[in-house]
Amino acid sequence: MIKISEVTKKIKKISDVIWEIPKTYKKGMNVPARIYASDKILKDMDKGVFEQLTNVACLPGIQKYAYCMPDGHWGYGFPIGGVAAFDPEKGVISPGGIGFDINCGMRLVTTNLTYKEVKPELKPLVNLLFKKVPAGVGKKGFLRITENSLKDIMVNGASWCVENGYGRKEDVKRIEEYGCIKGADPVTVSEKAIKRGIRQIGTLGSGNHYLEIQMVTAENIFRPKIAKKFEITNPGQIVVMVHCGSRGFGHQIGTDYLGKFAKVMKEIKLGVKDRELACAPFKSKEGQNYYKAMACAANMAFVNRQMIMHRIRESFSEIFNREPEEMGLNLVYDVAHNIAKLEKHKINGSKKELVVHRKGSTRSFGPGHPELTEIYREVGQPVILGGSMETGSHLLVGTETAMNETFGSTAHGSGRTMSRTKAKHQVDGCALQKEMEKRGIYVKADSMKGLAEEAGFAYKNINEVVEILEKADISRTVVGFKPIGNIKG
């Protein structure tokens, strides 16, 4: 285990918020490691991050740097908040650089309702959403589909929802990759994964996943012109944020391929610093099969969040006795933060296709990027940064600096400061729920122990994280949101 004192002796301060661990720090490092952090956040950062990040820097074919964002903390193999890009010919693909919850991501929905209108109906609304969007371990969704339909979902992603009456045509234009990662092939997905995933669409799951009703406050509208582009116009405006992924479906795919990759590594004598960094050459049969299966899970996750939005629209309509369109309920954006994708980025002055791994990290493409929908091409990609259920969240926008410096990547949230076990020992879930209600945040949770794990003090200060992103110019904050209602697993 790396000692923080050993790291700080060699770490180089590149700027106020960028720190570099040189290749000479650890034998086998192919590139330096870079951490985005303030002095305070670096000092308080989970010490395991330094070991994991420098291990990632040793992987074959890695380009430029191994990165960790300011929300970084210890994860499986890669630190959460990690970014790494690999040459597709010489490099690898690693499930540890994506996460078990493939395409865990964020979705933001705007309404034209105000806090004044919603406050009297907040409890009935949250109660109904809690009923319509199952949360918690092993919960099943309302959607009943055949195995063939699930395979259609794996291949076609969010467009399947629109074609089957669970969305609007314009929704798909406001999802990363238009809600469908290309190259998905159901043949590469195990029967066990299919059985785990077939009833989980339209569910939140557990852990830090949530459905949250939020409010715009006057002091948190930082870039009004861009906010207007995202249909956020007035203080008191109500928005809804969703955080979840591919559930047990993605987890099983990750588990399946970690086992396969361990065998491949043994056969080709590919060594890694940590067994959790199990990987395979991207161009190998096993590497390609994992990428295709990962795309299947990613597309299922886009559908999962789309189905949850469908239930949100139903719930608002039932509570306020109005058609969803009358209340707006428009999708701003849906972005993945556990994914590997083929993207073109500049290396030594020329564009090259790379396998970009983002693990607890968000795409942050700048203005003018051809992959962005025309709706946002002028201002840059919306970046949804989730905070704790007590402190609020932010909507940011991508930058050209991110394209040049971090493979178009930024943070995904505030990031944990302590383990779930430690948080549970410090607070009682029932007491926390009551205390939050006194502060104007009504919470429904499947588990009080799970609620305690997600207490605000277990997370970094999101405003400090945002300030680092601003100073580094890898994303710029547009508006902040205050939570008023929350559903947790």
Protein backbone atom coordinates (compact mmCIF):
# COMPACT_ATOMS: atom_id res chain seq x y z
CA MET A 1 0.00 0.00 0.00
CA ILE A 2 1.33 3.44 -0.94
CA LYS A 3 1.94 5.84 1.93
CA ILE A 4 0.73 9.38 1.25
CA SER A 5 4.05 10.76 2.52
CA GLU A 6 5.88 8.76 -0.18
CA VAL A 7 3.63 10.20 -2.89
CA THR A 8 3.91 13.81 -1.76
CA LYS A 9 7.72 13.64 -1.91
CA LYS A 10 7.57 13.04 -5.67
CA ILE A 11 4.26 14.57 -6.72
CA LYS A 12 4.59 17.64 -8.91
CA LYS A 13 2.16 20.57 -8.72
CA ILE A 14 1.29 21.47 -12.30
CA SER A 15 -1.26 24.15 -11.38
CA ASP A 16 -3.45 25.10 -8.41
CA VAL A 17 -5.65 22.07 -9.15
CA ILE A 18 -3.51 19.63 -11.17
CA TRP A 19 -0.99 17.25 -9.57
CA GLU A 20 1.29 14.82 -11.36
CA ILE A 21 2.90 11.58 -10.16
CA PRO A 22 5.85 10.89 -12.51
CA LYS A 23 6.55 7.64 -14.33
CA THR A 24 9.60 7.14 -12.16
CA TYR A 25 7.43 6.74 -9.07
CA LYS A 26 6.58 3.09 -9.67
CA LYS A 27 8.27 0.46 -11.77
CA GLY A 28 6.20 -0.36 -14.84
CA MET A 29 4.39 2.98 -15.22
CA ASN A 30 3.97 3.69 -18.93
CA VAL A 31 2.61 7.21 -18.40
CA PRO A 32 2.47 9.68 -15.51
CA ALA A 33 -0.65 9.90 -13.34
CA ARG A 34 -2.59 13.14 -12.93
CA ILE A 35 -5.00 14.09 -10.16
CA TYR A 36 -7.38 17.05 -10.29
CA ALA A 37 -7.72 18.38 -6.75
CA SER A 38 -7.28 21.36 -4.48
CA ASP A 39 -4.66 21.21 -1.73
CA LYS A 40 -7.38 20.25 0.75
CA ILE A 41 -9.04 17.58 -1.37
CA LEU A 42 -5.68 16.05 -2.28
CA LYS A 43 -4.72 15.92 1.39
CA ASP A 44 -8.02 14.27 2.34
CA MET A 45 -8.21 11.94 -0.66
CA ASP A 46 -8.60 8.24 -0.05
CA LYS A 47 -5.02 6.96 0.08
CA GLY A 48 -5.92 3.94 -2.04
CA VAL A 49 -6.50 6.28 -4.99
CA PHE A 50 -2.75 6.85 -5.38
CA GLU A 51 -1.99 3.14 -5.48
CA GLN A 52 -4.81 2.34 -7.91
CA LEU A 53 -4.09 5.27 -10.21
CA THR A 54 -0.40 4.44 -10.54
CA ASN A 55 -1.34 0.80 -11.18
CA VAL A 56 -3.61 1.93 -14.02
CA ALA A 57 -0.67 3.89 -15.46
CA CYS A 58 1.11 0.54 -15.90
CA LEU A 59 -1.49 -0.98 -18.22
CA PRO A 60 -0.43 -1.73 -21.82
CA GLY A 61 -1.21 0.87 -24.48
CA ILE A 62 -2.32 3.63 -22.10
CA GLN A 63 -2.05 7.13 -23.61
CA LYS A 64 -0.87 10.46 -22.12
CA TYR A 65 -1.87 10.06 -18.44
CA ALA A 66 -3.90 8.01 -16.00
CA TYR A 67 -6.37 10.55 -14.58
CA CYS A 68 -8.34 10.90 -11.38
CA MET A 69 -11.01 13.56 -10.94
CA PRO A 70 -11.61 15.51 -7.68
CA ASP A 71 -14.45 13.19 -6.65
CA GLY A 72 -12.01 10.28 -6.76
CA HIS A 73 -11.98 7.50 -4.17
CA TRP A 74 -11.07 3.81 -3.89
CA GLY A 75 -12.88 1.54 -6.34
CA TYR A 76 -12.56 -1.89 -7.93
CA GLY A 77 -9.25 -1.89 -9.84
CA PHE A 78 -9.53 1.68 -11.08
CA PRO A 79 -10.31 4.47 -8.65
CA ILE A 80 -13.81 5.85 -8.94
CA GLY A 81 -13.29 9.15 -10.74
CA GLY A 82 -10.75 7.47 -13.05
CA VAL A 83 -10.14 8.15 -16.74
CA ALA A 84 -7.79 6.24 -19.02
CA ALA A 85 -7.52 5.98 -22.81
CA PHE A 86 -5.87 3.11 -24.67
CA ASP A 87 -4.53 2.55 -28.15
CA PRO A 88 -7.00 0.07 -29.69
CA GLU A 89 -4.19 -1.84 -31.46
CA LYS A 90 -1.74 -2.17 -28.57
CA GLY A 91 -3.94 -1.46 -25.59
CA VAL A 92 -6.47 -3.27 -23.44
CA ILE A 93 -10.03 -3.06 -22.21
CA SER A 94 -10.64 -3.58 -18.49
CA PRO A 95 -13.97 -4.08 -16.68
CA GLY A 96 -12.36 -2.45 -13.63
CA GLY A 97 -12.09 0.75 -15.65
CA ILE A 98 -15.81 0.74 -16.36
CA GLY A 99 -17.38 -0.63 -13.20
CA PHE A 100 -19.81 -3.44 -12.53
CA ASP A 101 -22.80 -1.13 -12.92
CA ILE A 102 -22.18 -0.57 -16.62
CA ASN A 103 -23.52 2.79 -17.80
CA CYS A 104 -24.44 3.96 -14.37
CA GLY A 105 -25.35 7.51 -15.29
CA MET A 106 -27.43 10.62 -14.74
CA ARG A 107 -30.60 12.00 -16.30
CA LEU A 108 -32.03 15.48 -15.76
CA VAL A 109 -35.65 16.42 -16.49
CA THR A 110 -37.03 19.96 -16.39
CA THR A 111 -40.57 21.07 -15.58
CA ASN A 112 -42.35 24.43 -15.82
CA LEU A 113 -43.68 23.96 -12.29
CA THR A 114 -42.54 26.09 -9.38
CA TYR A 115 -41.73 25.19 -5.80
CA LYS A 116 -44.86 27.06 -4.72
CA GLU A 117 -46.98 24.75 -6.88
CA VAL A 118 -45.20 21.54 -5.94
CA LYS A 119 -44.71 22.03 -2.20
CA PRO A 120 -48.37 21.22 -1.18
CA GLU A 121 -48.22 17.99 -3.23
CA LEU A 122 -44.61 17.03 -2.49
CA LYS A 123 -45.34 14.13 -0.14
CA PRO A 124 -48.04 12.54 -2.33
CA LEU A 125 -45.76 12.98 -5.36
CA VAL A 126 -42.74 11.35 -3.70
CA ASN A 127 -44.93 8.57 -2.29
CA LEU A 128 -46.34 7.84 -5.75
CA LEU A 129 -42.92 7.88 -7.37
CA PHE A 130 -41.66 5.52 -4.66
CA LYS A 131 -44.48 3.16 -5.63
CA LYS A 132 -44.03 3.46 -9.40
CA VAL A 133 -40.21 3.33 -9.49
CA PRO A 134 -39.07 0.36 -7.36
CA ALA A 135 -35.91 1.02 -5.35
CA GLY A 136 -33.72 -1.39 -3.42
CA VAL A 137 -31.82 -4.64 -3.83
CA GLY A 138 -33.44 -7.15 -6.19
CA LYS A 139 -36.54 -5.07 -6.95
CA LYS A 140 -38.41 -5.76 -10.19
CA GLY A 141 -39.93 -3.27 -12.62
CA PHE A 142 -43.39 -3.01 -14.13
CA LEU A 143 -42.22 -3.88 -17.65
CA ARG A 144 -42.98 -7.42 -18.78
CA ILE A 145 -40.91 -8.33 -21.82
CA THR A 146 -39.73 -11.44 -23.63
CA GLU A 147 -36.12 -12.44 -24.01
CA ASN A 148 -36.31 -11.35 -27.66
CA SER A 149 -37.52 -7.91 -26.59
CA LEU A 150 -34.61 -7.63 -24.17
CA LYS A 151 -32.27 -8.47 -27.04
CA ASP A 152 -33.91 -5.70 -29.10
CA ILE A 153 -33.26 -3.35 -26.16
CA MET A 154 -29.61 -4.45 -26.02
CA VAL A 155 -29.13 -3.55 -29.68
CA ASN A 156 -31.38 -0.50 -30.14
CA GLY A 157 -31.28 1.23 -26.76
CA ALA A 158 -33.57 4.16 -26.02
CA SER A 159 -35.22 4.22 -29.44
CA TRP A 160 -36.93 0.96 -28.40
CA CYS A 161 -38.80 2.95 -25.73
CA VAL A 162 -40.04 5.57 -28.18
CA GLU A 163 -41.15 2.92 -30.65
CA ASN A 164 -43.11 1.19 -27.88
CA GLY A 165 -44.82 4.28 -26.48
CA TYR A 166 -42.51 5.00 -23.55
CA GLY A 167 -41.02 8.27 -24.70
CA ARG A 168 -41.04 11.22 -27.08
CA LYS A 169 -39.04 11.35 -30.30
CA GLU A 170 -37.07 14.33 -29.02
CA ASP A 171 -35.92 12.36 -25.94
CA VAL A 172 -33.47 10.31 -27.98
CA LYS A 173 -31.73 13.45 -29.29
CA ARG A 174 -30.88 14.41 -25.71
CA ILE A 175 -29.09 11.22 -24.68
CA GLU A 176 -25.38 10.51 -25.01
CA GLU A 177 -24.80 8.58 -28.26
CA TYR A 178 -28.53 9.11 -28.91
CA GLY A 179 -29.22 6.39 -26.39
CA CYS A 180 -27.47 3.59 -28.26
CA ILE A 181 -23.84 2.47 -28.09
CA LYS A 182 -22.99 0.90 -31.44
CA GLY A 183 -21.61 -2.61 -31.72
CA ALA A 184 -23.83 -4.35 -29.17
CA ASP A 185 -24.31 -8.07 -29.78
CA PRO A 186 -26.62 -10.15 -27.54
CA VAL A 187 -24.73 -13.34 -28.51
CA THR A 188 -21.93 -12.17 -26.19
CA VAL A 189 -24.27 -11.95 -23.16
CA SER A 190 -24.77 -14.96 -20.89
CA GLU A 191 -28.13 -16.51 -20.09
CA LYS A 192 -27.49 -15.73 -16.43
CA ALA A 193 -27.15 -12.02 -17.23
CA ILE A 194 -30.37 -12.11 -19.25
CA LYS A 195 -32.24 -13.77 -16.38
CA ARG A 196 -30.96 -11.15 -13.94
CA GLY A 197 -31.83 -8.21 -16.16
CA ILE A 198 -35.11 -9.09 -17.82
CA ARG A 199 -37.30 -7.83 -14.93
CA GLN A 200 -35.11 -4.96 -13.70
CA ILE A 201 -35.92 -2.30 -16.29
CA GLY A 202 -37.56 0.73 -14.70
CA THR A 203 -35.92 0.27 -11.29
CA LEU A 204 -33.41 2.31 -9.29
CA GLY A 205 -31.50 -0.33 -7.38
CA SER A 206 -29.67 0.47 -4.15
CA GLY A 207 -26.52 2.20 -2.91
CA ASN A 208 -26.11 5.78 -4.08
CA HIS A 209 -28.78 5.52 -6.75
CA TYR A 210 -31.69 7.89 -6.45
CA LEU A 211 -34.60 9.75 -7.97
CA GLU A 212 -34.63 13.33 -6.68
CA ILE A 213 -36.96 16.30 -7.00
CA GLN A 214 -34.90 19.48 -6.94
CA MET A 215 -35.38 23.22 -7.04
CA VAL A 216 -33.46 25.98 -8.80
CA THR A 217 -32.39 28.79 -6.47
CA ALA A 218 -31.58 32.36 -7.54
CA GLU A 219 -28.03 32.30 -6.11
CA ASN A 220 -27.23 29.12 -8.03
CA ILE A 221 -27.91 30.31 -11.58
CA PHE A 222 -24.30 30.93 -12.66
CA ARG A 223 -24.58 31.15 -16.44
CA PRO A 224 -28.12 32.32 -17.28
CA LYS A 225 -27.73 32.27 -21.07
CA ILE A 226 -26.60 28.64 -21.13
CA ALA A 227 -29.18 27.73 -18.47
CA LYS A 228 -31.88 29.08 -20.77
CA LYS A 229 -30.58 26.84 -23.55
CA PHE A 230 -31.16 23.94 -21.14
CA GLU A 231 -34.73 25.21 -20.42
CA ILE A 232 -33.84 26.39 -16.93
CA THR A 233 -35.07 29.94 -16.63
CA ASN A 234 -36.34 30.92 -13.19
CA PRO A 235 -35.58 30.58 -9.47
CA GLY A 236 -38.03 28.15 -7.89
CA GLN A 237 -38.25 26.01 -11.03
CA ILE A 238 -38.62 22.29 -10.32
CA VAL A 239 -36.41 19.67 -11.97
CA VAL A 240 -36.03 15.92 -11.50
CA MET A 241 -32.73 14.01 -11.47
CA VAL A 242 -32.24 10.26 -11.84
CA HIS A 243 -29.09 8.29 -11.02
CA CYS A 244 -28.94 4.56 -11.83
CA GLY A 245 -27.51 2.06 -14.31
CA SER A 246 -27.82 -1.44 -15.73
CA ARG A 247 -28.50 -3.14 -12.40
CA GLY A 248 -27.74 -6.87 -12.06
CA PHE A 249 -27.60 -7.22 -15.84
CA GLY A 250 -24.42 -5.15 -16.12
CA HIS A 251 -23.00 -6.62 -12.93
CA GLN A 252 -23.29 -10.14 -14.31
CA ILE A 253 -21.64 -9.16 -17.59
CA GLY A 254 -18.74 -7.67 -15.65
CA THR A 255 -18.45 -10.78 -13.50
CA ASP A 256 -18.59 -13.10 -16.51
CA TYR A 257 -15.80 -11.34 -18.38
CA LEU A 258 -13.50 -10.84 -15.42
CA GLY A 259 -13.36 -14.63 -15.23
CA LYS A 260 -12.69 -14.95 -18.96
CA PHE A 261 -10.02 -12.25 -18.89
CA ALA A 262 -8.16 -13.98 -16.04
CA LYS A 263 -7.76 -17.02 -18.30
CA VAL A 264 -6.67 -14.91 -21.29
CA MET A 265 -4.05 -13.10 -19.22
CA LYS A 266 -2.60 -16.39 -18.06
CA GLU A 267 -2.47 -17.73 -21.63
CA ILE A 268 -0.71 -14.69 -23.11
CA LYS A 269 1.33 -13.97 -19.95
CA LEU A 270 -0.11 -10.51 -19.47
CA GLY A 271 0.65 -9.27 -15.97
CA VAL A 272 -1.01 -6.44 -14.05
CA LYS A 273 -0.26 -4.79 -10.70
CA ASP A 274 -3.61 -5.80 -9.21
CA ARG A 275 -5.83 -8.75 -10.09
CA GLU A 276 -8.79 -6.34 -10.08
CA LEU A 277 -7.24 -4.79 -13.20
CA ALA A 278 -7.95 -7.97 -15.17
CA CYS A 279 -8.03 -7.03 -18.85
CA ALA A 280 -7.65 -8.34 -22.38
CA PRO A 281 -6.16 -6.85 -25.53
CA PHE A 282 -8.91 -4.74 -27.06
CA LYS A 283 -8.52 -6.39 -30.46
CA SER A 284 -8.57 -9.93 -29.05
CA LYS A 285 -11.68 -12.08 -29.43
CA GLU A 286 -12.36 -11.83 -25.69
CA GLY A 287 -11.76 -8.07 -25.66
CA GLN A 288 -14.14 -7.54 -28.55
CA ASN A 289 -16.78 -9.79 -27.03
CA TYR A 290 -16.64 -7.87 -23.76
CA TYR A 291 -17.00 -4.55 -25.60
CA LYS A 292 -20.07 -5.89 -27.42
CA ALA A 293 -21.58 -7.21 -24.17
CA MET A 294 -20.75 -3.96 -22.38
CA ALA A 295 -22.60 -2.06 -25.14
CA CYS A 296 -25.62 -4.32 -24.55
CA ALA A 297 -25.61 -3.38 -20.85
CA ALA A 298 -25.07 0.29 -21.63
CA ASN A 299 -28.09 0.31 -23.95
CA MET A 300 -30.18 -1.47 -21.33
CA ALA A 301 -29.20 1.26 -18.84
CA PHE A 302 -30.32 4.01 -21.23
CA VAL A 303 -33.64 2.19 -21.50
CA ASN A 304 -33.83 1.78 -17.72
CA ARG A 305 -33.53 5.54 -17.20
CA GLN A 306 -35.96 6.22 -20.05
CA MET A 307 -38.55 3.93 -18.47
CA ILE A 308 -38.06 5.68 -15.12
CA MET A 309 -38.67 9.00 -16.85
CA HIS A 310 -41.86 7.56 -18.33
CA ARG A 311 -43.02 6.73 -14.79
CA ILE A 312 -42.04 10.23 -13.64
CA ARG A 313 -44.25 11.72 -16.34
CA GLU A 314 -47.11 9.42 -15.32
CA SER A 315 -46.72 10.35 -11.65
CA PHE A 316 -46.66 14.11 -12.21
CA SER A 317 -49.70 13.78 -14.47
CA GLU A 318 -51.62 11.83 -11.83
CA ILE A 319 -50.77 14.16 -8.93
CA PHE A 320 -51.31 17.47 -10.77
CA ASN A 321 -54.13 16.22 -13.03
CA ARG A 322 -52.48 17.61 -16.14
CA GLU A 323 -50.92 16.14 -19.25
CA PRO A 324 -47.13 15.72 -18.97
CA GLU A 325 -46.55 18.07 -21.90
CA GLU A 326 -48.41 20.84 -20.08
CA MET A 327 -45.85 20.63 -17.28
CA GLY A 328 -42.87 20.35 -19.61
CA LEU A 329 -41.17 17.27 -18.18
CA ASN A 330 -38.56 17.58 -20.91
CA LEU A 331 -35.29 15.70 -20.91
CA VAL A 332 -32.26 17.98 -20.67
CA TYR A 333 -29.69 15.22 -21.04
CA ASP A 334 -28.72 11.68 -20.10
CA VAL A 335 -25.02 10.96 -19.65
CA ALA A 336 -23.08 7.81 -18.78
CA HIS A 337 -20.34 7.76 -16.16
CA ASN A 338 -19.35 4.07 -16.17
CA ILE A 339 -18.40 3.26 -19.75
CA ALA A 340 -15.68 2.52 -22.30
CA LYS A 341 -16.10 3.96 -25.78
CA LEU A 342 -14.25 4.37 -29.03
CA GLU A 343 -13.68 8.11 -29.46
CA LYS A 344 -11.34 10.29 -31.50
CA HIS A 345 -8.98 12.51 -29.53
CA LYS A 346 -5.80 14.43 -30.26
CA ILE A 347 -2.53 12.65 -29.55
CA ASN A 348 0.67 14.48 -30.49
CA GLY A 349 -1.26 16.95 -32.61
CA SER A 350 -3.31 14.50 -34.68
CA LYS A 351 -6.65 12.82 -34.02
CA LYS A 352 -6.61 9.17 -33.19
CA GLU A 353 -9.27 6.65 -32.23
CA LEU A 354 -8.88 5.52 -28.63
CA VAL A 355 -10.67 3.25 -26.17
CA VAL A 356 -11.63 5.77 -23.49
CA HIS A 357 -12.50 4.29 -20.08
CA ARG A 358 -14.55 6.46 -17.73
CA LYS A 359 -15.18 5.00 -14.29
CA GLY A 360 -17.18 7.43 -12.16
CA SER A 361 -16.34 10.09 -14.72
CA THR A 362 -18.48 11.99 -17.20
CA ARG A 363 -18.02 12.90 -20.84
CA SER A 364 -17.46 16.67 -21.15
CA PHE A 365 -17.35 17.47 -24.87
CA GLY A 366 -16.87 21.13 -25.71
CA PRO A 367 -18.77 23.47 -28.05
CA GLY A 368 -18.81 22.52 -31.73
CA HIS A 369 -18.10 18.83 -31.24
CA PRO A 370 -19.73 16.91 -34.14
CA GLU A 371 -20.97 14.10 -31.86
CA LEU A 372 -23.16 16.49 -29.88
CA THR A 373 -26.80 16.95 -30.76
CA GLU A 374 -27.44 20.18 -32.67
CA ILE A 375 -29.51 21.40 -29.72
CA TYR A 376 -26.38 21.84 -27.58
CA ARG A 377 -23.55 21.97 -30.12
CA GLU A 378 -23.16 25.72 -29.76
CA VAL A 379 -22.74 25.70 -25.96
CA GLY A 380 -21.20 22.28 -25.32
CA GLN A 381 -22.43 19.06 -23.76
CA PRO A 382 -24.54 19.17 -20.59
CA VAL A 383 -22.69 17.54 -17.68
CA ILE A 384 -24.82 16.33 -14.76
CA LEU A 385 -22.92 16.28 -11.48
CA GLY A 386 -24.76 14.48 -8.69
CA GLY A 387 -24.25 15.54 -5.08
CA SER A 388 -25.41 14.01 -1.83
CA MET A 389 -29.11 13.84 -0.99
CA GLU A 390 -28.60 16.60 1.58
CA THR A 391 -26.53 19.11 -0.35
CA GLY A 392 -27.74 19.31 -3.94
CA SER A 393 -26.35 18.80 -7.43
CA HIS A 394 -25.02 20.80 -10.39
CA LEU A 395 -25.52 21.06 -14.13
CA LEU A 396 -22.32 21.98 -15.95
CA VAL A 397 -21.20 22.24 -19.56
CA GLY A 398 -18.27 20.69 -21.41
CA THR A 399 -15.24 22.65 -22.62
CA GLU A 400 -12.55 22.65 -25.28
CA THR A 401 -9.95 22.37 -22.51
CA ALA A 402 -11.43 19.02 -21.49
CA MET A 403 -11.14 17.86 -25.09
CA ASN A 404 -7.46 18.81 -25.16
CA GLU A 405 -6.46 17.77 -21.64
CA THR A 406 -8.63 14.93 -20.29
CA PHE A 407 -10.00 13.12 -23.34
CA GLY A 408 -13.21 15.15 -22.99
CA SER A 409 -13.79 14.02 -19.39
CA THR A 410 -14.74 15.54 -16.04
CA ALA A 411 -16.05 14.48 -12.62
CA HIS A 412 -19.35 12.66 -12.09
CA GLY A 413 -20.36 13.74 -8.58
CA SER A 414 -19.13 14.84 -5.20
CA GLY A 415 -17.44 11.52 -4.31
CA ARG A 416 -17.43 9.64 -1.02
CA THR A 417 -15.20 10.55 1.91
CA MET A 418 -15.92 7.44 3.99
CA SER A 419 -17.11 3.87 3.59
CA ARG A 420 -20.76 2.95 3.81
CA THR A 421 -20.02 0.87 6.91
CA LYS A 422 -18.45 3.82 8.69
CA ALA A 423 -21.36 6.10 7.73
CA LYS A 424 -23.88 3.60 9.14
CA HIS A 425 -22.06 3.63 12.47
CA GLN A 426 -22.27 7.40 12.70
CA VAL A 427 -25.94 8.04 12.02
CA ASP A 428 -29.32 6.35 12.43
CA GLY A 429 -31.34 6.21 9.21
CA CYS A 430 -34.70 6.96 10.84
CA ALA A 431 -33.27 9.93 12.71
CA LEU A 432 -31.65 11.22 9.52
CA GLN A 433 -34.92 10.92 7.62
CA LYS A 434 -36.76 12.98 10.25
CA GLU A 435 -34.02 15.57 10.46
CA MET A 436 -33.97 16.01 6.68
CA GLU A 437 -37.74 16.49 6.62
CA LYS A 438 -37.38 19.30 9.14
CA ARG A 439 -35.00 20.94 6.68
CA GLY A 440 -37.49 20.64 3.84
CA ILE A 441 -36.25 17.41 2.19
CA TYR A 442 -38.82 14.61 2.15
CA VAL A 443 -37.16 11.21 1.70
CA LYS A 444 -38.58 7.76 1.03
CA ALA A 445 -36.13 4.88 1.30
CA ASP A 446 -36.33 1.12 0.90
CA SER A 447 -33.85 0.66 3.75
CA MET A 448 -33.01 2.89 6.71
CA LYS A 449 -29.53 1.35 6.85
CA GLY A 450 -29.12 2.22 3.19
CA LEU A 451 -30.28 5.76 3.91
CA ALA A 452 -27.69 6.14 6.66
CA GLU A 453 -24.96 5.06 4.22
CA GLU A 454 -25.84 8.02 2.01
CA ALA A 455 -25.74 10.77 4.66
CA GLY A 456 -24.36 14.05 3.39
CA PHE A 457 -21.28 13.97 5.63
CA ALA A 458 -20.15 10.78 3.84
CA TYR A 459 -19.53 12.84 0.69
CA LYS A 460 -17.16 15.62 -0.34
CA ASN A 461 -18.41 19.18 -0.59
CA ILE A 462 -19.81 19.39 -4.11
CA ASN A 463 -19.10 23.11 -4.32
CA GLU A 464 -15.40 22.41 -3.73
CA VAL A 465 -15.44 19.78 -6.48
CA VAL A 466 -17.15 22.19 -8.89
CA GLU A 467 -14.64 24.92 -8.06
CA ILE A 468 -11.77 22.59 -9.03
CA LEU A 469 -13.46 21.72 -12.33
CA GLU A 470 -13.94 25.45 -13.02
CA LYS A 471 -10.31 26.29 -12.23
CA ALA A 472 -9.09 23.45 -14.44
CA ASP A 473 -11.65 24.52 -17.07
CA ILE A 474 -12.65 20.94 -17.83
CA SER A 475 -16.29 21.85 -17.24
CA ARG A 476 -18.13 25.02 -16.22
CA THR A 477 -21.06 25.19 -13.86
CA VAL A 478 -24.34 26.48 -15.25
CA VAL A 479 -26.80 26.01 -12.40
CA GLY A 480 -27.03 24.36 -8.99
CA PHE A 481 -30.05 22.53 -7.58
CA LYS A 482 -31.36 22.14 -4.05
CA PRO A 483 -33.03 18.81 -3.10
CA ILE A 484 -36.61 18.84 -1.79
CA GLY A 485 -37.70 15.23 -2.33
CA ASN A 486 -35.73 12.02 -2.66
CA ILE A 487 -36.23 8.31 -3.30
CA LYS A 488 -33.42 5.98 -2.24
CA GLY A 489 -32.88 2.25 -2.49
